[in-house]
Amino acid sequence: MTPSDRSVPQTSTNQSIEPVLEGVGERIAEAHGIQPFYHYSEKEAAKLLRLSVSTLKRARNSDSIGYIQKGSRSVAYFGYQLVHFLIAKTTCPTLHPESIK
């Protein structure tokens, strides 16, 4: 058996979700009013993400979100970093075949 024989075959479920995921970052940015290349302050970013500033700081300190170090005590975020954070925090439910009818 070759490695390609062991690959997971594409199912109609996998194929049908691909168009949904295409351009998801752009759609999330638009839905949240985020400009991908704009610099957002920590307060502005927290408001867009619907988080408290302290929660956003914890995410930054744990390397859960990228940021721009603007000075020794000043940070900012590109809009695309906010979108990446939202995508990274998205979970999908586990589908059980017996629940699909």
C-alpha atoms as a PDB file:
ATOM      1  CA  MET A   1       0.000   0.000   0.000  1.00  0.00           C
ATOM      2  CA  THR A   2       1.450   3.376  -0.978  1.00  0.00           C
ATOM      3  CA  PRO A   3       1.027   6.527   1.169  1.00  0.00           C
ATOM      4  CA  SER A   4      -1.507   7.892  -1.308  1.00  0.00           C
ATOM      5  CA  ASP A   5      -3.624   4.742  -0.872  1.00  0.00           C
ATOM      6  CA  ARG A   6      -3.898   5.492   2.853  1.00  0.00           C
ATOM      7  CA  SER A   7      -5.138   9.042   2.370  1.00  0.00           C
ATOM      8  CA  VAL A   8      -8.654   9.883   3.427  1.00  0.00           C
ATOM      9  CA  PRO A   9     -10.933   9.936   0.394  1.00  0.00           C
ATOM     10  CA  GLN A  10     -12.858  13.107  -0.328  1.00  0.00           C
ATOM     11  CA  THR A  11     -16.481  12.735   0.610  1.00  0.00           C
ATOM     12  CA  SER A  12     -19.385  14.799  -0.518  1.00  0.00           C
ATOM     13  CA  THR A  13     -19.458  16.356   2.984  1.00  0.00           C
ATOM     14  CA  ASN A  14     -15.811  17.476   2.725  1.00  0.00           C
ATOM     15  CA  GLN A  15     -16.318  18.816  -0.770  1.00  0.00           C
ATOM     16  CA  SER A  16     -19.445  20.758   0.115  1.00  0.00           C
ATOM     17  CA  ILE A  17     -17.753  22.662   2.949  1.00  0.00           C
ATOM     18  CA  GLU A  18     -14.833  23.957   0.846  1.00  0.00           C
ATOM     19  CA  PRO A  19     -16.829  26.778  -0.842  1.00  0.00           C
ATOM     20  CA  VAL A  20     -18.078  27.863   2.588  1.00  0.00           C
ATOM     21  CA  LEU A  21     -14.522  28.226   3.918  1.00  0.00           C
ATOM     22  CA  GLU A  22     -13.232  30.031   0.841  1.00  0.00           C
ATOM     23  CA  GLY A  23     -12.766  33.697   1.699  1.00  0.00           C
ATOM     24  CA  VAL A  24     -13.891  33.208   5.297  1.00  0.00           C
ATOM     25  CA  GLY A  25     -11.319  35.697   6.606  1.00  0.00           C
ATOM     26  CA  GLU A  26     -12.603  38.438   4.351  1.00  0.00           C
ATOM     27  CA  ARG A  27     -16.197  37.728   5.323  1.00  0.00           C
ATOM     28  CA  ILE A  28     -15.356  37.752   9.029  1.00  0.00           C
ATOM     29  CA  ALA A  29     -13.488  41.049   8.641  1.00  0.00           C
ATOM     30  CA  GLU A  30     -16.439  42.581   6.825  1.00  0.00           C
ATOM     31  CA  ALA A  31     -18.979  41.309   9.345  1.00  0.00           C
ATOM     32  CA  HIS A  32     -16.985  42.763  12.252  1.00  0.00           C
ATOM     33  CA  GLY A  33     -16.081  46.020  10.509  1.00  0.00           C
ATOM     34  CA  ILE A  34     -12.366  45.181  10.576  1.00  0.00           C
ATOM     35  CA  GLN A  35      -9.989  46.750   8.047  1.00  0.00           C
ATOM     36  CA  PRO A  36      -7.217  44.142   7.492  1.00  0.00           C
ATOM     37  CA  PHE A  37      -4.288  46.572   7.247  1.00  0.00           C
ATOM     38  CA  TYR A  38      -5.408  49.220   9.724  1.00  0.00           C
ATOM     39  CA  HIS A  39      -3.541  49.529  13.060  1.00  0.00           C
ATOM     40  CA  TYR A  40      -5.947  49.168  15.986  1.00  0.00           C
ATOM     41  CA  SER A  41      -5.109  50.209  19.535  1.00  0.00           C
ATOM     42  CA  GLU A  42      -5.595  47.638  22.274  1.00  0.00           C
ATOM     43  CA  LYS A  43      -8.847  49.333  23.304  1.00  0.00           C
ATOM     44  CA  GLU A  44     -10.147  49.457  19.713  1.00  0.00           C
ATOM     45  CA  ALA A  45      -9.143  45.824  19.087  1.00  0.00           C
ATOM     46  CA  ALA A  46     -10.844  44.639  22.273  1.00  0.00           C
ATOM     47  CA  LYS A  47     -14.042  46.423  21.274  1.00  0.00           C
ATOM     48  CA  LEU A  48     -14.013  44.861  17.782  1.00  0.00           C
ATOM     49  CA  LEU A  49     -13.393  41.400  19.241  1.00  0.00           C
ATOM     50  CA  ARG A  50     -16.057  41.988  21.914  1.00  0.00           C
ATOM     51  CA  LEU A  51     -13.517  41.275  24.659  1.00  0.00           C
ATOM     52  CA  SER A  52     -12.377  43.237  27.673  1.00  0.00           C
ATOM     53  CA  VAL A  53      -8.988  44.911  27.334  1.00  0.00           C
ATOM     54  CA  SER A  54      -7.621  42.679  30.109  1.00  0.00           C
ATOM     55  CA  THR A  55      -8.775  39.519  28.267  1.00  0.00           C
ATOM     56  CA  LEU A  56      -7.083  40.738  25.092  1.00  0.00           C
ATOM     57  CA  LYS A  57      -3.876  41.474  27.043  1.00  0.00           C
ATOM     58  CA  ARG A  58      -3.937  37.925  28.448  1.00  0.00           C
ATOM     59  CA  ALA A  59      -4.370  36.547  24.918  1.00  0.00           C
ATOM     60  CA  ARG A  60      -1.420  38.663  23.735  1.00  0.00           C
ATOM     61  CA  ASN A  61       0.763  37.620  26.675  1.00  0.00           C
ATOM     62  CA  SER A  62      -0.002  33.946  26.002  1.00  0.00           C
ATOM     63  CA  ASP A  63       0.873  34.370  22.294  1.00  0.00           C
ATOM     64  CA  SER A  64      -2.701  33.615  21.229  1.00  0.00           C
ATOM     65  CA  ILE A  65      -2.791  36.750  19.064  1.00  0.00           C
ATOM     66  CA  GLY A  66      -0.158  38.517  17.031  1.00  0.00           C
ATOM     67  CA  TYR A  67       0.516  42.201  17.658  1.00  0.00           C
ATOM     68  CA  ILE A  68       2.719  45.149  16.721  1.00  0.00           C
ATOM     69  CA  GLN A  69       5.194  46.341  19.360  1.00  0.00           C
ATOM     70  CA  LYS A  70       5.045  50.107  18.810  1.00  0.00           C
ATOM     71  CA  GLY A  71       7.220  51.093  21.756  1.00  0.00           C
ATOM     72  CA  SER A  72       8.394  49.758  25.066  1.00  0.00           C
ATOM     73  CA  ARG A  73       4.845  49.908  26.485  1.00  0.00           C
ATOM     74  CA  SER A  74       2.645  50.433  23.439  1.00  0.00           C
ATOM     75  CA  VAL A  75       1.091  47.771  21.219  1.00  0.00           C
ATOM     76  CA  ALA A  76      -1.288  47.748  18.284  1.00  0.00           C
ATOM     77  CA  TYR A  77      -2.906  45.106  16.123  1.00  0.00           C
ATOM     78  CA  PHE A  78      -3.334  44.809  12.387  1.00  0.00           C
ATOM     79  CA  GLY A  79      -6.902  44.004  11.462  1.00  0.00           C
ATOM     80  CA  TYR A  80      -5.835  40.713   9.886  1.00  0.00           C
ATOM     81  CA  GLN A  81      -4.350  39.676  13.259  1.00  0.00           C
ATOM     82  CA  LEU A  82      -7.758  40.168  14.830  1.00  0.00           C
ATOM     83  CA  VAL A  83      -9.372  38.051  12.107  1.00  0.00           C
ATOM     84  CA  HIS A  84      -6.760  35.296  12.541  1.00  0.00           C
ATOM     85  CA  PHE A  85      -7.481  35.301  16.278  1.00  0.00           C
ATOM     86  CA  LEU A  86     -11.215  34.882  15.664  1.00  0.00           C
ATOM     87  CA  ILE A  87     -10.617  32.022  13.242  1.00  0.00           C
ATOM     88  CA  ALA A  88      -8.160  30.324  15.616  1.00  0.00           C
ATOM     89  CA  LYS A  89     -10.726  30.466  18.431  1.00  0.00           C
ATOM     90  CA  THR A  90     -13.468  28.900  16.304  1.00  0.00           C
ATOM     91  CA  THR A  91     -14.344  25.310  17.114  1.00  0.00           C
ATOM     92  CA  CYS A  92     -16.406  22.869  15.109  1.00  0.00           C
ATOM     93  CA  PRO A  93     -18.690  20.286  16.637  1.00  0.00           C
ATOM     94  CA  THR A  94     -17.812  16.644  16.254  1.00  0.00           C
ATOM     95  CA  LEU A  95     -20.260  14.958  13.937  1.00  0.00           C
ATOM     96  CA  HIS A  96     -21.374  11.482  14.819  1.00  0.00           C
ATOM     97  CA  PRO A  97     -22.491   9.417  11.798  1.00  0.00           C
ATOM     98  CA  GLU A  98     -25.472   8.034  13.672  1.00  0.00           C
ATOM     99  CA  SER A  99     -26.816  11.580  14.174  1.00  0.00           C
ATOM    100  CA  ILE A 100     -26.880  12.269  10.428  1.00  0.00           C
ATOM    101  CA  LYS A 101     -30.095  11.162   8.784  1.00  0.00           C
END
